[in-house]
């Protein structure tokens, strides 16, 4: 029998609450991609997030909208979901600065948690 290590998820900030407000199809896409990440894989819809070493983003498209979930798995034995959101950039494919700031802040917090320090 093959034992697969399943990394528990730590939802940073409002990332879980934000996820459950998204359309059901998007929740399913992101949930499945996170499951693959929890078991050590990488879903086809997951790619590195530019500007953040070790941070991945899942891109899910539904109707005419784009949704993203951002996570990191290389801090310890957990998967940290940093941010989930609907992309509303007015500048092409760029991630809005507000969302990048949220990701950066929550990544710093996740690193503190992974090091065993308190926030």
Protein backbone atom coordinates (compact mmCIF):
# COMPACT_ATOMS: atom_id res chain seq x y z
CA UNK A 1 0.00 0.00 0.00
CA UNK A 2 1.26 3.47 -0.88
CA UNK A 3 1.09 5.98 1.97
CA UNK A 4 0.66 9.51 0.66
CA UNK A 5 1.45 12.40 2.98
CA UNK A 6 -1.42 14.87 2.91
CA UNK A 7 -0.35 18.34 4.00
CA UNK A 8 -2.96 20.02 6.20
CA UNK A 9 -4.20 23.40 4.98
CA UNK A 10 -3.77 26.59 6.96
CA UNK A 11 -6.08 29.31 5.63
CA UNK A 12 -4.48 32.72 6.08
CA UNK A 13 -6.67 35.71 6.83
CA UNK A 14 -10.02 35.59 5.06
CA UNK A 15 -8.86 33.21 2.30
CA UNK A 16 -11.34 30.44 3.22
CA UNK A 17 -14.27 32.82 3.70
CA UNK A 18 -13.41 34.43 0.36
CA UNK A 19 -13.24 31.04 -1.38
CA UNK A 20 -16.71 29.97 -0.28
CA UNK A 21 -18.23 33.14 -1.76
CA UNK A 22 -16.96 32.23 -5.25
CA UNK A 23 -19.11 30.33 -7.78
CA UNK A 24 -19.42 26.60 -7.02
CA UNK A 25 -17.54 25.65 -10.21
CA UNK A 26 -14.60 27.83 -9.15
CA UNK A 27 -14.66 26.38 -5.64
CA UNK A 28 -14.46 22.90 -7.17
CA UNK A 29 -11.57 23.85 -9.49
CA UNK A 30 -9.57 25.47 -6.71
CA UNK A 31 -10.41 22.74 -4.21
CA UNK A 32 -9.20 20.01 -6.55
CA UNK A 33 -6.00 21.91 -7.39
CA UNK A 34 -5.33 22.41 -3.66
CA UNK A 35 -5.91 18.69 -3.03
CA UNK A 36 -3.28 17.86 -5.65
CA UNK A 37 -0.89 20.30 -3.96
CA UNK A 38 -1.64 18.75 -0.56
CA UNK A 39 -0.53 15.38 -1.90
CA UNK A 40 2.68 16.73 -3.43
CA UNK A 41 1.55 17.35 -6.99
CA UNK A 42 0.92 20.40 -9.15
CA UNK A 43 -2.34 20.89 -11.02
CA UNK A 44 -2.22 22.10 -14.63
CA UNK A 45 -3.94 25.34 -13.57
CA UNK A 46 -1.23 26.08 -10.96
CA UNK A 47 1.81 28.16 -11.82
CA UNK A 48 4.47 30.12 -9.93
CA UNK A 49 3.40 33.62 -8.93
CA UNK A 50 5.91 36.12 -10.30
CA UNK A 51 7.79 38.04 -7.67
CA UNK A 52 7.26 35.51 -4.88
CA UNK A 53 9.70 32.61 -4.51
CA UNK A 54 7.90 29.32 -3.82
CA UNK A 55 4.41 30.84 -4.10
CA UNK A 56 1.94 29.27 -6.52
CA UNK A 57 -1.30 30.58 -7.97
CA UNK A 58 -4.26 28.63 -9.26
CA UNK A 59 -6.16 30.32 -12.06
CA UNK A 60 -9.80 29.37 -12.59
CA UNK A 61 -11.97 30.89 -15.29
CA UNK A 62 -15.74 30.87 -15.05
CA UNK A 63 -17.97 32.51 -17.62
CA UNK A 64 -16.17 35.78 -18.35
CA UNK A 65 -14.42 36.14 -14.98
CA UNK A 66 -11.06 34.99 -13.64
CA UNK A 67 -10.49 33.79 -10.10
CA UNK A 68 -7.25 33.01 -8.30
CA UNK A 69 -6.06 31.19 -5.22
CA UNK A 70 -2.51 31.74 -4.02
CA UNK A 71 -0.70 29.22 -1.85
CA UNK A 72 2.71 28.11 -0.61
CA UNK A 73 3.80 24.57 0.30
CA UNK A 74 7.53 24.87 0.95
CA UNK A 75 7.53 26.46 4.42
CA UNK A 76 6.94 23.34 6.54
CA UNK A 77 4.61 20.35 6.44
CA UNK A 78 1.52 22.49 5.77
CA UNK A 79 -0.06 24.08 2.73
CA UNK A 80 -0.75 27.76 3.39
CA UNK A 81 -3.53 29.36 1.35
CA UNK A 82 -2.57 33.00 1.31
CA UNK A 83 -5.35 34.61 -0.71
CA UNK A 84 -8.38 33.77 -2.87
CA UNK A 85 -9.98 36.44 -5.02
CA UNK A 86 -11.67 37.43 -8.24
CA UNK A 87 -9.17 39.15 -10.48
CA UNK A 88 -10.41 42.59 -11.42
CA UNK A 89 -7.29 44.19 -12.89
CA UNK A 90 -7.78 47.10 -15.22
CA UNK A 91 -4.22 46.61 -16.50
CA UNK A 92 -4.39 43.41 -18.58
CA UNK A 93 -3.13 40.27 -16.89
CA UNK A 94 -1.35 42.02 -14.01
CA UNK A 95 -2.41 41.13 -10.49
CA UNK A 96 -3.79 44.24 -8.76
CA UNK A 97 -1.38 45.89 -6.30
CA UNK A 98 -3.90 45.56 -3.47
CA UNK A 99 -3.96 41.78 -3.92
CA UNK A 100 -0.16 41.61 -4.19
CA UNK A 101 0.10 43.51 -0.90
CA UNK A 102 -2.31 41.06 0.75
CA UNK A 103 -0.29 38.11 -0.55
CA UNK A 104 3.00 39.62 0.68
CA UNK A 105 1.57 40.37 4.14
CA UNK A 106 0.07 36.90 4.55
CA UNK A 107 3.24 35.23 3.27
CA UNK A 108 5.21 37.02 6.00
CA UNK A 109 2.65 35.82 8.55
CA UNK A 110 2.83 32.24 7.21
CA UNK A 111 6.61 32.26 7.55
CA UNK A 112 6.28 33.33 11.19
CA UNK A 113 3.81 30.50 11.85
CA UNK A 114 6.05 27.98 10.08
CA UNK A 115 9.00 29.02 12.24
CA UNK A 116 6.92 28.35 15.34
CA UNK A 117 6.76 31.95 16.43
CA UNK A 118 3.54 33.69 17.34
CA UNK A 119 2.06 36.50 15.31
